[in-house]
N, C-alpha and C. Protein backbone atom coordinates (compact mmCIF):
# COMPACT_ATOMS: atom_id res chain seq x y z
N UNK A 1 115.60 116.98 128.65
CA UNK A 1 114.92 116.75 129.91
C UNK A 1 115.67 115.67 130.68
N UNK A 2 115.83 115.85 131.96
CA UNK A 2 116.55 114.86 132.76
C UNK A 2 115.60 114.23 133.77
N UNK A 3 115.88 113.00 134.07
CA UNK A 3 115.09 112.25 135.02
C UNK A 3 116.02 111.73 136.11
N UNK A 4 115.71 112.01 137.36
CA UNK A 4 116.54 111.60 138.49
C UNK A 4 116.09 110.22 138.95
N UNK A 5 117.03 109.26 138.96
CA UNK A 5 116.70 107.92 139.45
C UNK A 5 117.87 107.37 140.23
N UNK A 6 117.68 107.06 141.46
CA UNK A 6 118.63 106.40 142.36
C UNK A 6 120.09 106.80 142.13
N UNK A 7 120.36 108.06 142.23
CA UNK A 7 121.74 108.52 142.20
C UNK A 7 122.34 108.70 140.82
N UNK A 8 121.59 108.49 139.77
CA UNK A 8 122.14 108.68 138.43
C UNK A 8 121.20 109.54 137.60
N UNK A 9 121.78 110.16 136.61
CA UNK A 9 120.97 110.93 135.67
C UNK A 9 120.79 110.11 134.40
N UNK A 10 119.59 110.13 133.89
CA UNK A 10 119.33 109.48 132.60
C UNK A 10 118.66 110.49 131.69
N UNK A 11 119.08 110.50 130.48
CA UNK A 11 118.46 111.40 129.52
C UNK A 11 117.26 110.72 128.88
N UNK A 12 116.17 111.44 128.80
CA UNK A 12 115.00 110.92 128.10
C UNK A 12 115.12 111.35 126.65
N UNK A 13 115.05 110.40 125.75
CA UNK A 13 115.21 110.71 124.34
C UNK A 13 113.86 110.68 123.65
N UNK A 14 113.73 111.55 122.67
CA UNK A 14 112.52 111.53 121.85
C UNK A 14 112.59 110.35 120.90
N UNK A 15 111.46 109.72 120.62
CA UNK A 15 111.50 108.61 119.66
C UNK A 15 111.84 109.12 118.27
N UNK A 16 112.50 108.26 117.50
CA UNK A 16 112.87 108.65 116.14
C UNK A 16 111.63 108.68 115.26
N UNK A 17 111.65 109.47 114.21
CA UNK A 17 110.49 109.53 113.32
C UNK A 17 110.21 108.17 112.68
N UNK A 18 108.95 107.88 112.42
CA UNK A 18 108.55 106.58 111.90
C UNK A 18 109.14 106.28 110.53
N UNK A 19 109.26 107.27 109.71
CA UNK A 19 109.70 107.00 108.34
C UNK A 19 111.17 106.61 108.26
N UNK A 20 111.93 106.74 109.31
CA UNK A 20 113.34 106.37 109.29
C UNK A 20 113.59 105.00 109.91
N UNK A 21 112.55 104.22 110.15
CA UNK A 21 112.72 102.95 110.83
C UNK A 21 113.43 101.91 109.98
N UNK A 22 113.50 102.10 108.68
CA UNK A 22 114.18 101.13 107.83
C UNK A 22 115.68 101.34 107.79
N UNK A 23 116.15 102.45 108.30
CA UNK A 23 117.57 102.73 108.29
C UNK A 23 118.00 103.48 107.05
N UNK A 24 117.17 103.53 106.04
CA UNK A 24 117.47 104.28 104.81
C UNK A 24 116.37 105.31 104.61
N UNK A 25 116.77 106.45 104.11
CA UNK A 25 115.80 107.50 103.90
C UNK A 25 114.94 107.17 102.69
N UNK A 26 113.64 107.35 102.83
CA UNK A 26 112.70 107.07 101.75
C UNK A 26 112.34 108.39 101.09
N UNK A 27 112.42 108.44 99.78
CA UNK A 27 112.14 109.69 99.08
C UNK A 27 110.66 110.02 99.14
N UNK A 28 110.36 111.28 98.96
CA UNK A 28 108.97 111.74 98.99
C UNK A 28 108.18 111.12 97.83
N UNK A 29 108.86 110.91 96.72
CA UNK A 29 108.20 110.29 95.57
C UNK A 29 107.78 108.85 95.89
N UNK A 30 108.69 108.09 96.54
CA UNK A 30 108.37 106.72 96.94
C UNK A 30 107.22 106.69 97.93
N UNK A 31 107.21 107.65 98.85
CA UNK A 31 106.12 107.71 99.83
C UNK A 31 104.79 107.99 99.16
N UNK A 32 104.77 108.89 98.20
CA UNK A 32 103.50 109.20 97.52
C UNK A 32 103.03 108.01 96.69
N UNK A 33 103.96 107.28 96.05
CA UNK A 33 103.58 106.07 95.32
C UNK A 33 103.03 105.01 96.27
N UNK A 34 103.66 104.89 97.44
CA UNK A 34 103.20 103.91 98.43
C UNK A 34 101.81 104.26 98.93
N UNK A 35 101.55 105.53 99.16
CA UNK A 35 100.21 105.95 99.62
C UNK A 35 99.16 105.65 98.56
N UNK A 36 99.50 105.91 97.31
CA UNK A 36 98.57 105.63 96.21
C UNK A 36 98.30 104.12 96.12
N UNK A 37 99.35 103.31 96.24
CA UNK A 37 99.20 101.86 96.21
C UNK A 37 98.32 101.40 97.37
N UNK A 38 98.52 101.98 98.54
CA UNK A 38 97.77 101.56 99.73
C UNK A 38 96.27 101.85 99.58
N UNK A 39 95.92 102.93 98.89
CA UNK A 39 94.49 103.23 98.68
C UNK A 39 93.81 102.08 97.95
N UNK A 40 94.46 101.53 96.94
CA UNK A 40 93.86 100.40 96.22
C UNK A 40 93.94 99.12 97.05
N UNK A 41 95.03 98.94 97.78
CA UNK A 41 95.18 97.74 98.60
C UNK A 41 94.13 97.69 99.71
N UNK A 42 93.87 98.82 100.36
CA UNK A 42 92.93 98.82 101.48
C UNK A 42 91.50 98.55 101.03
N UNK A 43 91.18 98.85 99.77
CA UNK A 43 89.85 98.55 99.26
C UNK A 43 89.67 97.07 98.96
N UNK A 44 90.73 96.41 98.47
CA UNK A 44 90.64 94.99 98.13
C UNK A 44 91.97 94.29 98.37
N UNK A 45 92.27 93.92 99.63
CA UNK A 45 93.55 93.26 99.91
C UNK A 45 93.67 91.90 99.24
N UNK A 46 92.54 91.24 99.00
CA UNK A 46 92.58 89.92 98.39
C UNK A 46 93.16 89.96 96.98
N UNK A 47 93.02 91.07 96.29
CA UNK A 47 93.56 91.19 94.93
C UNK A 47 95.08 91.06 94.93
N UNK A 48 95.72 91.49 96.00
CA UNK A 48 97.18 91.41 96.10
C UNK A 48 97.62 90.08 96.70
N UNK A 49 96.92 89.60 97.72
CA UNK A 49 97.42 88.46 98.50
C UNK A 49 96.92 87.09 98.06
N UNK A 50 95.73 86.98 97.50
CA UNK A 50 95.13 85.65 97.30
C UNK A 50 95.83 84.77 96.27
N UNK A 51 96.49 85.34 95.29
CA UNK A 51 97.13 84.52 94.27
C UNK A 51 98.62 84.30 94.56
N UNK A 52 99.07 84.70 95.73
CA UNK A 52 100.48 84.59 96.08
C UNK A 52 100.79 83.25 96.74
N UNK A 53 101.96 82.74 96.50
CA UNK A 53 102.51 81.65 97.28
C UNK A 53 101.90 80.29 97.03
N UNK A 54 102.32 79.38 97.88
CA UNK A 54 101.93 77.98 97.80
C UNK A 54 101.26 77.60 99.12
N UNK A 55 100.08 77.04 99.02
CA UNK A 55 99.31 76.67 100.20
C UNK A 55 99.35 75.16 100.36
N UNK A 56 99.74 74.70 101.55
CA UNK A 56 99.75 73.26 101.83
C UNK A 56 98.94 73.00 103.09
N UNK A 57 98.46 71.78 103.20
CA UNK A 57 97.66 71.38 104.36
C UNK A 57 98.33 70.19 105.02
N UNK A 58 98.24 70.16 106.35
CA UNK A 58 98.80 69.04 107.10
C UNK A 58 97.95 68.80 108.33
N UNK A 59 98.29 67.76 109.04
CA UNK A 59 97.53 67.44 110.26
C UNK A 59 97.92 68.42 111.36
N UNK A 60 96.92 68.86 112.07
CA UNK A 60 97.13 69.79 113.16
C UNK A 60 97.66 69.05 114.38
N UNK A 61 98.22 69.77 115.33
CA UNK A 61 98.72 69.14 116.55
C UNK A 61 97.84 69.51 117.72
N UNK A 62 98.06 68.84 118.83
CA UNK A 62 97.33 69.18 120.04
C UNK A 62 96.09 68.32 120.22
N UNK A 63 95.30 68.65 121.25
CA UNK A 63 94.10 67.85 121.53
C UNK A 63 93.04 68.02 120.45
N UNK A 64 92.20 67.04 120.30
CA UNK A 64 91.13 67.13 119.31
C UNK A 64 90.67 65.77 118.84
N UNK A 65 91.36 64.73 119.28
CA UNK A 65 90.91 63.38 118.98
C UNK A 65 90.99 63.02 117.52
N UNK A 66 89.95 62.36 117.05
CA UNK A 66 89.93 61.81 115.70
C UNK A 66 90.07 62.90 114.64
N UNK A 67 89.48 64.07 114.86
CA UNK A 67 89.56 65.15 113.87
C UNK A 67 91.00 65.58 113.64
N UNK A 68 91.76 65.74 114.72
CA UNK A 68 93.16 66.16 114.60
C UNK A 68 94.00 65.06 113.97
N UNK A 69 93.72 63.82 114.32
CA UNK A 69 94.55 62.71 113.86
C UNK A 69 94.33 62.34 112.40
N UNK A 70 93.15 62.58 111.85
CA UNK A 70 92.84 62.07 110.52
C UNK A 70 92.58 63.12 109.45
N UNK A 71 92.38 64.38 109.84
CA UNK A 71 92.00 65.41 108.87
C UNK A 71 93.14 66.42 108.73
N UNK A 72 93.47 66.75 107.49
CA UNK A 72 94.49 67.76 107.22
C UNK A 72 93.85 69.14 107.27
N UNK A 73 93.73 69.69 108.48
CA UNK A 73 93.05 70.98 108.61
C UNK A 73 94.01 72.16 108.80
N UNK A 74 95.24 71.90 109.15
CA UNK A 74 96.21 72.98 109.35
C UNK A 74 96.66 73.50 107.98
N UNK A 75 96.59 74.82 107.81
CA UNK A 75 97.00 75.44 106.55
C UNK A 75 98.34 76.14 106.73
N UNK A 76 99.20 76.00 105.73
CA UNK A 76 100.51 76.63 105.77
C UNK A 76 100.74 77.33 104.43
N UNK A 77 100.94 78.65 104.50
CA UNK A 77 101.14 79.46 103.31
C UNK A 77 102.60 79.88 103.23
N UNK A 78 103.25 79.52 102.11
CA UNK A 78 104.65 79.90 101.89
C UNK A 78 104.68 80.85 100.70
N UNK A 79 105.11 82.11 100.99
CA UNK A 79 105.14 83.14 99.95
C UNK A 79 106.60 83.54 99.72
N UNK A 80 107.14 83.25 98.53
CA UNK A 80 108.51 83.71 98.22
C UNK A 80 108.57 85.24 98.27
N UNK A 81 109.57 85.76 98.96
CA UNK A 81 109.66 87.21 99.16
C UNK A 81 109.79 87.94 97.83
N UNK A 82 110.52 87.38 96.89
CA UNK A 82 110.67 88.02 95.58
C UNK A 82 109.33 88.20 94.88
N UNK A 83 108.48 87.19 95.00
CA UNK A 83 107.15 87.26 94.40
C UNK A 83 106.29 88.32 95.09
N UNK A 84 106.42 88.44 96.40
CA UNK A 84 105.64 89.42 97.15
C UNK A 84 106.15 90.84 96.88
N UNK A 85 107.47 91.02 96.86
CA UNK A 85 108.03 92.36 96.68
C UNK A 85 107.69 92.96 95.32
N UNK A 86 107.46 92.10 94.32
CA UNK A 86 107.10 92.62 93.00
C UNK A 86 105.73 93.30 93.02
N UNK A 87 104.92 93.00 94.03
CA UNK A 87 103.58 93.60 94.14
C UNK A 87 103.50 94.71 95.18
N UNK A 88 104.59 94.96 95.90
CA UNK A 88 104.58 95.97 96.96
C UNK A 88 105.38 97.19 96.53
N UNK A 89 105.06 98.37 97.09
CA UNK A 89 105.87 99.56 96.80
C UNK A 89 107.27 99.42 97.42
N UNK A 90 108.23 100.09 96.83
CA UNK A 90 109.63 99.95 97.28
C UNK A 90 109.83 100.41 98.72
N UNK A 91 108.98 101.27 99.23
CA UNK A 91 109.13 101.74 100.61
C UNK A 91 108.97 100.61 101.62
N UNK A 92 108.26 99.54 101.25
CA UNK A 92 108.01 98.43 102.18
C UNK A 92 109.00 97.28 102.05
N UNK A 93 109.85 97.30 101.04
CA UNK A 93 110.70 96.16 100.76
C UNK A 93 111.61 95.76 101.92
N UNK A 94 112.27 96.71 102.53
CA UNK A 94 113.24 96.38 103.58
C UNK A 94 112.58 95.79 104.82
N UNK A 95 111.39 96.25 105.15
CA UNK A 95 110.76 95.82 106.39
C UNK A 95 110.14 94.43 106.30
N UNK A 96 109.85 93.93 105.11
CA UNK A 96 109.23 92.61 104.96
C UNK A 96 110.17 91.52 105.47
N UNK A 97 111.46 91.68 105.23
CA UNK A 97 112.42 90.65 105.65
C UNK A 97 112.74 90.69 107.14
N UNK A 98 112.20 91.66 107.86
CA UNK A 98 112.45 91.70 109.30
C UNK A 98 111.23 91.29 110.10
N UNK A 99 110.16 90.90 109.43
CA UNK A 99 108.92 90.53 110.11
C UNK A 99 109.00 89.18 110.79
N UNK A 100 108.00 88.87 111.57
CA UNK A 100 107.99 87.63 112.35
C UNK A 100 107.74 86.39 111.50
N UNK A 101 107.18 86.53 110.33
CA UNK A 101 106.88 85.38 109.48
C UNK A 101 108.00 85.05 108.49
N UNK A 102 109.06 85.83 108.49
CA UNK A 102 110.13 85.65 107.51
C UNK A 102 110.99 84.45 107.86
N UNK A 103 111.17 83.55 106.87
CA UNK A 103 112.06 82.39 107.02
C UNK A 103 113.29 82.66 106.15
N UNK A 104 114.41 82.91 106.79
CA UNK A 104 115.62 83.34 106.09
C UNK A 104 116.18 82.25 105.18
N UNK A 105 116.10 81.03 105.62
CA UNK A 105 116.70 79.94 104.87
C UNK A 105 116.08 79.79 103.47
N UNK A 106 114.76 79.94 103.40
CA UNK A 106 114.08 79.79 102.11
C UNK A 106 113.74 81.14 101.48
N UNK A 107 114.10 82.24 102.13
CA UNK A 107 113.79 83.60 101.67
C UNK A 107 112.30 83.71 101.31
N UNK A 108 111.48 83.34 102.27
CA UNK A 108 110.03 83.40 102.05
C UNK A 108 109.33 83.71 103.36
N UNK A 109 108.07 84.08 103.24
CA UNK A 109 107.23 84.26 104.42
C UNK A 109 106.50 82.95 104.65
N UNK A 110 106.48 82.51 105.90
CA UNK A 110 105.83 81.25 106.25
C UNK A 110 104.75 81.55 107.27
N UNK A 111 103.50 81.42 106.84
CA UNK A 111 102.36 81.74 107.69
C UNK A 111 101.53 80.48 107.83
N UNK A 112 101.20 80.12 109.07
CA UNK A 112 100.39 78.92 109.27
C UNK A 112 99.26 79.18 110.24
N UNK A 113 98.21 78.39 110.10
CA UNK A 113 97.05 78.53 110.97
C UNK A 113 96.43 77.17 111.22
N UNK A 114 96.21 76.88 112.49
CA UNK A 114 95.46 75.67 112.87
C UNK A 114 94.45 76.02 113.95
N UNK A 115 93.94 77.25 113.89
CA UNK A 115 92.99 77.73 114.89
C UNK A 115 91.63 77.05 114.77
N UNK A 116 91.24 76.70 113.57
CA UNK A 116 89.91 76.16 113.34
C UNK A 116 89.99 74.67 113.00
N UNK A 117 88.86 74.00 113.10
CA UNK A 117 88.78 72.60 112.70
C UNK A 117 88.55 72.49 111.19
N UNK A 118 88.26 73.63 110.57
CA UNK A 118 87.93 73.63 109.14
C UNK A 118 89.12 74.12 108.32
N UNK A 119 89.41 73.39 107.27
CA UNK A 119 90.53 73.71 106.40
C UNK A 119 90.34 75.07 105.73
N UNK A 120 89.13 75.36 105.28
CA UNK A 120 88.87 76.62 104.56
C UNK A 120 89.05 77.83 105.47
N UNK A 121 88.65 77.71 106.74
CA UNK A 121 88.84 78.83 107.67
C UNK A 121 90.31 79.07 107.96
N UNK A 122 91.09 78.00 108.08
CA UNK A 122 92.52 78.15 108.31
C UNK A 122 93.21 78.77 107.09
N UNK A 123 92.75 78.42 105.90
CA UNK A 123 93.28 79.04 104.68
C UNK A 123 93.01 80.54 104.70
N UNK A 124 91.79 80.93 105.03
CA UNK A 124 91.44 82.35 105.08
C UNK A 124 92.25 83.07 106.16
N UNK A 125 92.50 82.40 107.29
CA UNK A 125 93.33 83.00 108.36
C UNK A 125 94.74 83.29 107.86
N UNK A 126 95.30 82.39 107.07
CA UNK A 126 96.65 82.61 106.53
C UNK A 126 96.69 83.85 105.64
N UNK A 127 95.74 83.96 104.74
CA UNK A 127 95.71 85.12 103.84
C UNK A 127 95.38 86.40 104.60
N UNK A 128 94.55 86.29 105.63
CA UNK A 128 94.23 87.47 106.45
C UNK A 128 95.49 87.94 107.17
N UNK A 129 96.27 87.01 107.71
CA UNK A 129 97.51 87.38 108.41
C UNK A 129 98.51 88.03 107.45
N UNK A 130 98.57 87.54 106.23
CA UNK A 130 99.46 88.14 105.24
C UNK A 130 99.05 89.58 104.95
N UNK A 131 97.75 89.80 104.75
CA UNK A 131 97.31 91.17 104.46
C UNK A 131 97.47 92.07 105.69
N UNK A 132 97.30 91.52 106.91
CA UNK A 132 97.54 92.31 108.13
C UNK A 132 99.02 92.67 108.26
N UNK A 133 99.90 91.75 107.90
CA UNK A 133 101.34 92.02 107.94
C UNK A 133 101.68 93.19 107.01
N UNK A 134 101.16 93.15 105.80
CA UNK A 134 101.42 94.22 104.83
C UNK A 134 100.85 95.54 105.35
N UNK A 135 99.64 95.49 105.89
CA UNK A 135 98.98 96.68 106.42
C UNK A 135 99.78 97.28 107.58
N UNK A 136 100.21 96.43 108.51
CA UNK A 136 100.98 96.91 109.67
C UNK A 136 102.32 97.52 109.24
N UNK A 137 103.01 96.87 108.31
CA UNK A 137 104.29 97.40 107.84
C UNK A 137 104.10 98.74 107.15
N UNK A 138 103.03 98.87 106.38
CA UNK A 138 102.77 100.14 105.71
C UNK A 138 102.56 101.24 106.74
N UNK A 139 101.73 100.97 107.74
CA UNK A 139 101.43 101.99 108.75
C UNK A 139 102.65 102.35 109.59
N UNK A 140 103.56 101.39 109.76
CA UNK A 140 104.77 101.64 110.54
C UNK A 140 105.79 102.47 109.75
N UNK A 141 105.88 102.24 108.45
CA UNK A 141 106.92 102.85 107.63
C UNK A 141 106.48 104.18 107.02
N UNK A 142 105.29 104.22 106.47
CA UNK A 142 104.86 105.37 105.69
C UNK A 142 104.02 106.31 106.55
N UNK A 143 104.50 107.51 106.81
CA UNK A 143 103.71 108.45 107.61
C UNK A 143 102.54 109.00 106.80
N UNK A 144 101.51 109.41 107.50
CA UNK A 144 100.35 109.99 106.83
C UNK A 144 100.74 111.33 106.21
N UNK A 145 99.98 111.75 105.21
CA UNK A 145 100.25 113.03 104.57
C UNK A 145 99.99 114.16 105.55
N UNK A 146 100.83 115.17 105.51
CA UNK A 146 100.71 116.32 106.40
C UNK A 146 99.79 117.35 105.78
N UNK A 147 98.80 117.79 106.56
CA UNK A 147 97.89 118.82 106.06
C UNK A 147 98.60 120.17 106.05
N UNK A 148 98.06 121.11 105.29
CA UNK A 148 98.68 122.44 105.20
C UNK A 148 98.65 123.15 106.55
N UNK A 149 97.54 123.00 107.29
CA UNK A 149 97.45 123.66 108.60
C UNK A 149 98.48 123.07 109.57
N UNK A 150 98.70 121.76 109.50
CA UNK A 150 99.69 121.12 110.37
C UNK A 150 101.09 121.59 110.00
N UNK A 151 101.38 121.73 108.71
CA UNK A 151 102.69 122.21 108.27
C UNK A 151 102.94 123.63 108.75
N UNK A 152 101.92 124.49 108.69
CA UNK A 152 102.05 125.87 109.17
C UNK A 152 102.30 125.88 110.67
N UNK A 153 101.57 125.02 111.39
CA UNK A 153 101.73 124.94 112.85
C UNK A 153 103.15 124.50 113.21
N UNK A 154 103.68 123.52 112.51
CA UNK A 154 105.03 123.03 112.77
C UNK A 154 106.06 124.11 112.49
N UNK A 155 105.92 124.82 111.38
CA UNK A 155 106.85 125.92 111.07
C UNK A 155 106.84 126.98 112.16
N UNK A 156 105.65 127.31 112.65
CA UNK A 156 105.52 128.30 113.72
C UNK A 156 106.21 127.82 114.99
N UNK A 157 106.01 126.55 115.34
CA UNK A 157 106.66 126.00 116.53
C UNK A 157 108.18 125.97 116.36
N UNK A 158 108.66 125.62 115.19
CA UNK A 158 110.10 125.60 114.95
C UNK A 158 110.69 127.00 115.08
N UNK A 159 110.00 127.98 114.55
CA UNK A 159 110.47 129.36 114.63
C UNK A 159 110.53 129.82 116.08
N UNK A 160 109.47 129.54 116.86
CA UNK A 160 109.46 129.98 118.26
C UNK A 160 110.53 129.24 119.07
N UNK A 161 110.75 127.95 118.76
CA UNK A 161 111.79 127.19 119.46
C UNK A 161 113.17 127.76 119.14
N UNK A 162 113.39 128.14 117.91
CA UNK A 162 114.67 128.72 117.51
C UNK A 162 114.89 130.06 118.21
N UNK A 163 113.83 130.88 118.29
CA UNK A 163 113.95 132.17 118.97
C UNK A 163 114.27 131.98 120.45
N UNK A 164 113.63 131.00 121.09
CA UNK A 164 113.91 130.72 122.51
C UNK A 164 115.35 130.25 122.68
N UNK A 165 115.84 129.44 121.76
CA UNK A 165 117.22 128.96 121.82
C UNK A 165 118.19 130.13 121.69
N UNK A 166 117.91 131.04 120.79
CA UNK A 166 118.79 132.20 120.61
C UNK A 166 118.77 133.11 121.83
N UNK A 167 117.59 133.28 122.44
CA UNK A 167 117.50 134.09 123.67
C UNK A 167 118.35 133.48 124.78
N UNK A 168 118.26 132.17 124.96
CA UNK A 168 119.07 131.50 125.99
C UNK A 168 120.56 131.62 125.68
N UNK A 169 120.90 131.55 124.42
CA UNK A 169 122.30 131.66 124.02
C UNK A 169 122.84 133.05 124.35
N UNK A 170 122.04 134.08 124.08
CA UNK A 170 122.45 135.45 124.39
C UNK A 170 122.55 135.65 125.90
N UNK A 171 121.63 135.05 126.65
CA UNK A 171 121.66 135.16 128.11
C UNK A 171 122.94 134.53 128.66
N UNK A 172 123.28 133.34 128.18
CA UNK A 172 124.51 132.68 128.62
C UNK A 172 125.74 133.51 128.24
N UNK A 173 125.71 134.08 127.07
CA UNK A 173 126.82 134.91 126.60
C UNK A 173 127.00 136.14 127.49
N UNK A 174 125.87 136.77 127.84
CA UNK A 174 125.97 137.96 128.70
C UNK A 174 126.45 137.60 130.10
N UNK A 175 126.08 136.44 130.62
CA UNK A 175 126.58 135.99 131.92
C UNK A 175 128.09 135.84 131.89
N UNK A 176 128.59 135.19 130.84
CA UNK A 176 130.03 134.97 130.74
C UNK A 176 130.77 136.29 130.54
N UNK A 177 130.17 137.19 129.79
CA UNK A 177 130.80 138.50 129.56
C UNK A 177 130.86 139.29 130.87
N UNK A 178 129.85 139.16 131.72
CA UNK A 178 129.83 139.88 132.99
C UNK A 178 130.88 139.33 133.95
N UNK A 179 131.22 138.05 133.83
CA UNK A 179 132.21 137.44 134.72
C UNK A 179 133.64 137.83 134.34
N UNK A 180 133.88 138.07 133.09
CA UNK A 180 135.25 138.36 132.66
C UNK A 180 135.68 139.75 133.12
N UNK A 181 136.97 139.88 133.36
CA UNK A 181 137.50 141.16 133.83
C UNK A 181 137.80 142.05 132.64
N UNK A 182 137.60 143.30 132.84
CA UNK A 182 137.89 144.27 131.79
C UNK A 182 139.24 144.91 132.09
N UNK A 183 140.18 144.92 131.13
CA UNK A 183 141.52 145.48 131.31
C UNK A 183 141.65 146.78 130.52
N UNK A 184 140.89 147.81 130.83
CA UNK A 184 140.94 149.09 130.12
C UNK A 184 142.10 149.93 130.56
């Protein structure tokens, strides 16, 4: 499909499939293991995330007066990537190091929260962000399972697209054949 814009042609490209976003092809076996792992993770994310990493507290910044100046309410969670990857399916390994919380120098995820005045709420925010990161990466990398009806529909569309392509090819061929001179 072409789009006309101010004297130039630009090609509109289809987006690449989600499962190829890591740059390496993920096997169907790895995808099925990842889906199975995600079923247990989605029921209880705390089982995977709560015992990970090292949690430290420090003084928060910004306005807040005496509470900010004297109370260590800011929570900072540092999770070594090696420790996290041992609990994740292999399909997610490559994408964890490209996330926004990744600190390359220490090869760990660094998540902090100072949204609340309470230390316990900031701690929960850190672990919630970690589980959201894992959840988002899973949804970005691992495509949902294809139903049988969807697979049949796709095969039918592929077949009809191929037939249309062949018809156009024959049409172009006949045009070129009609233009050429016959030397009988």
